[in-house]
Amino acid sequence: MRKYISILLSGTLLFSACGGTETAATDMVSTTTGSADIAFETDVYDFGKVKQGEEVRHVFKFKNTGDQPLVVEAQGSCGCTVPEVPKDPIAPGATAELGVKIDTSHKRGQTKLTVSVKSNAKSGRKELKIIGEVLTEE
């Protein structure tokens, strides 16, 4: 009988020790649930009226409003629209700039261009719009 009680007590101690270790391991696991997010000051730029062949440049300013580093990629709607994105990740709370260079050589009249911004932001893709009028000499 004494042997049976010893085995029962040993088993109880073993199971309670394992349960305590499991809880401690769970407490040590980091649960990162945050993400990066992007907020532009403006998502539309109107360059007004320019002569055909002029180069238009603009800088879209944005901020990482998330709590993880932000990585940005961008692509213009045509070969005349060339975005310039930061090469390094943008830290949480930091601001950065996305430059755009537009060649108006083959444009005329009312012009609407877009820059598609892809990132690891929780808000997903973002479209920046560039509008204006390209004047031709006739």
Protein backbone atom coordinates (compact mmCIF):
# COMPACT_ATOMS: atom_id res chain seq x y z
CA MET A 1 0.00 0.00 0.00
CA ARG A 2 2.80 2.35 0.88
CA LYS A 3 4.43 1.61 -2.49
CA TYR A 4 1.14 2.44 -4.29
CA ILE A 5 0.85 5.81 -2.49
CA SER A 6 4.47 6.66 -3.37
CA ILE A 7 3.86 5.96 -7.05
CA LEU A 8 0.66 8.01 -6.98
CA LEU A 9 2.40 11.00 -5.31
CA SER A 10 5.36 10.81 -7.71
CA GLY A 11 3.01 10.79 -10.71
CA THR A 12 1.06 13.77 -9.36
CA LEU A 13 4.25 15.78 -8.84
CA LEU A 14 5.49 14.88 -12.31
CA PHE A 15 2.26 15.99 -14.02
CA SER A 16 2.04 19.24 -12.05
CA ALA A 17 5.68 20.05 -12.85
CA CYS A 18 5.08 19.49 -16.57
CA GLY A 19 2.04 21.71 -16.51
CA GLY A 20 4.04 24.52 -14.89
CA THR A 21 6.81 24.24 -17.45
CA GLU A 22 4.34 24.33 -20.32
CA THR A 23 2.79 27.55 -19.00
CA ALA A 24 6.20 29.17 -18.56
CA ALA A 25 7.17 28.27 -22.16
CA THR A 26 3.91 29.75 -23.45
CA ASP A 27 4.56 32.97 -21.55
CA MET A 28 7.99 33.29 -23.16
CA VAL A 29 6.64 33.10 -26.76
CA SER A 30 6.37 36.53 -28.37
CA THR A 31 3.05 37.20 -30.04
CA THR A 32 3.77 39.90 -32.61
CA THR A 33 0.48 40.92 -34.14
CA GLY A 34 1.42 44.37 -35.43
CA SER A 35 1.97 45.41 -39.01
CA ALA A 36 3.25 48.22 -41.17
CA ASP A 37 0.81 50.75 -42.61
CA ILE A 38 1.17 53.64 -45.02
CA ALA A 39 -0.47 57.07 -45.04
CA PHE A 40 0.20 59.56 -47.85
CA GLU A 41 -0.17 63.32 -47.28
CA THR A 42 -2.01 63.41 -50.61
CA ASP A 43 -2.65 60.82 -53.29
CA VAL A 44 -3.34 63.22 -56.18
CA TYR A 45 -0.93 65.65 -57.86
CA ASP A 46 -2.06 68.19 -60.47
CA PHE A 47 0.92 69.54 -62.41
CA GLY A 48 -1.23 72.13 -64.17
CA LYS A 49 -0.24 73.07 -67.73
CA VAL A 50 3.18 72.27 -69.20
CA LYS A 51 4.65 72.37 -72.69
CA GLN A 52 5.05 69.06 -74.46
CA GLY A 53 8.53 67.66 -73.81
CA GLU A 54 8.92 69.20 -70.36
CA GLU A 55 9.91 66.89 -67.54
CA VAL A 56 7.57 66.97 -64.55
CA ARG A 57 8.80 65.93 -61.12
CA HIS A 58 6.84 65.49 -57.92
CA VAL A 59 7.41 64.00 -54.46
CA PHE A 60 4.63 62.18 -52.61
CA LYS A 61 5.34 62.24 -48.87
CA PHE A 62 4.16 59.38 -46.69
CA LYS A 63 4.46 57.99 -43.18
CA ASN A 64 4.66 54.49 -41.74
CA THR A 65 1.75 54.62 -39.29
CA GLY A 66 2.17 50.98 -38.28
CA ASP A 67 4.42 49.36 -35.70
CA GLN A 68 6.55 47.26 -38.06
CA PRO A 69 9.07 48.31 -40.77
CA LEU A 70 7.46 49.29 -44.09
CA VAL A 71 8.83 48.09 -47.45
CA VAL A 72 7.60 49.92 -50.56
CA GLU A 73 7.63 49.14 -54.31
CA ALA A 74 6.03 51.23 -57.06
CA GLN A 75 5.31 51.06 -60.78
CA GLY A 76 4.16 53.73 -63.21
CA SER A 77 1.19 53.27 -65.52
CA CYS A 78 3.42 53.74 -68.58
CA GLY A 79 7.09 54.08 -69.50
CA CYS A 80 6.91 57.88 -69.22
CA THR A 81 6.12 57.67 -65.48
CA VAL A 82 9.11 56.60 -63.40
CA PRO A 83 8.70 56.24 -59.62
CA GLU A 84 11.66 56.41 -57.23
CA VAL A 85 11.09 54.56 -53.94
CA PRO A 86 13.19 54.34 -50.78
CA LYS A 87 15.57 51.38 -50.89
CA ASP A 88 15.60 50.74 -47.14
CA PRO A 89 12.60 49.81 -44.98
CA ILE A 90 10.85 52.75 -43.32
CA ALA A 91 10.80 52.48 -39.52
CA PRO A 92 7.52 52.73 -37.60
CA GLY A 93 6.54 56.39 -37.20
CA ALA A 94 9.09 57.58 -39.80
CA THR A 95 8.30 59.61 -42.90
CA ALA A 96 9.69 59.07 -46.39
CA GLU A 97 9.27 60.24 -49.96
CA LEU A 98 8.25 58.58 -53.21
CA GLY A 99 9.52 60.61 -56.15
CA VAL A 100 7.94 60.53 -59.60
CA LYS A 101 9.47 61.71 -62.87
CA ILE A 102 7.20 62.17 -65.91
CA ASP A 103 8.37 62.61 -69.50
CA THR A 104 5.69 64.55 -71.41
CA SER A 105 7.31 64.11 -74.85
CA HIS A 106 4.60 61.77 -76.10
CA LYS A 107 1.67 63.26 -74.20
CA ARG A 108 -0.81 65.92 -75.27
CA GLY A 109 -3.97 67.40 -73.88
CA GLN A 110 -5.52 66.27 -70.63
CA THR A 111 -3.26 63.65 -69.06
CA LYS A 112 -4.06 61.15 -66.32
CA LEU A 113 -1.31 58.88 -65.00
CA THR A 114 -1.09 56.54 -62.04
CA VAL A 115 1.58 55.07 -59.82
CA SER A 116 0.70 51.72 -58.24
CA VAL A 117 2.25 51.40 -54.80
CA LYS A 118 2.73 47.90 -53.40
CA SER A 119 3.95 47.40 -49.85
CA ASN A 120 3.70 45.19 -46.82
CA ALA A 121 1.18 47.65 -45.33
CA LYS A 122 -2.02 46.20 -43.91
CA SER A 123 -4.01 48.61 -46.09
CA GLY A 124 -2.73 46.86 -49.23
CA ARG A 125 -2.16 48.53 -52.60
CA LYS A 126 -2.45 52.25 -53.12
CA GLU A 127 -2.96 54.20 -56.37
CA LEU A 128 -1.40 57.65 -56.68
CA LYS A 129 -2.88 59.86 -59.40
CA ILE A 130 -1.10 62.48 -61.49
CA ILE A 131 -3.14 64.80 -63.68
CA GLY A 132 -2.48 67.84 -65.83
CA GLU A 133 -2.55 69.25 -69.32
CA VAL A 134 0.24 68.96 -71.88
CA LEU A 135 0.21 71.82 -74.38
CA THR A 136 1.42 71.33 -77.95
CA GLU A 137 2.56 73.97 -80.39
CA GLU A 138 0.39 73.99 -83.51
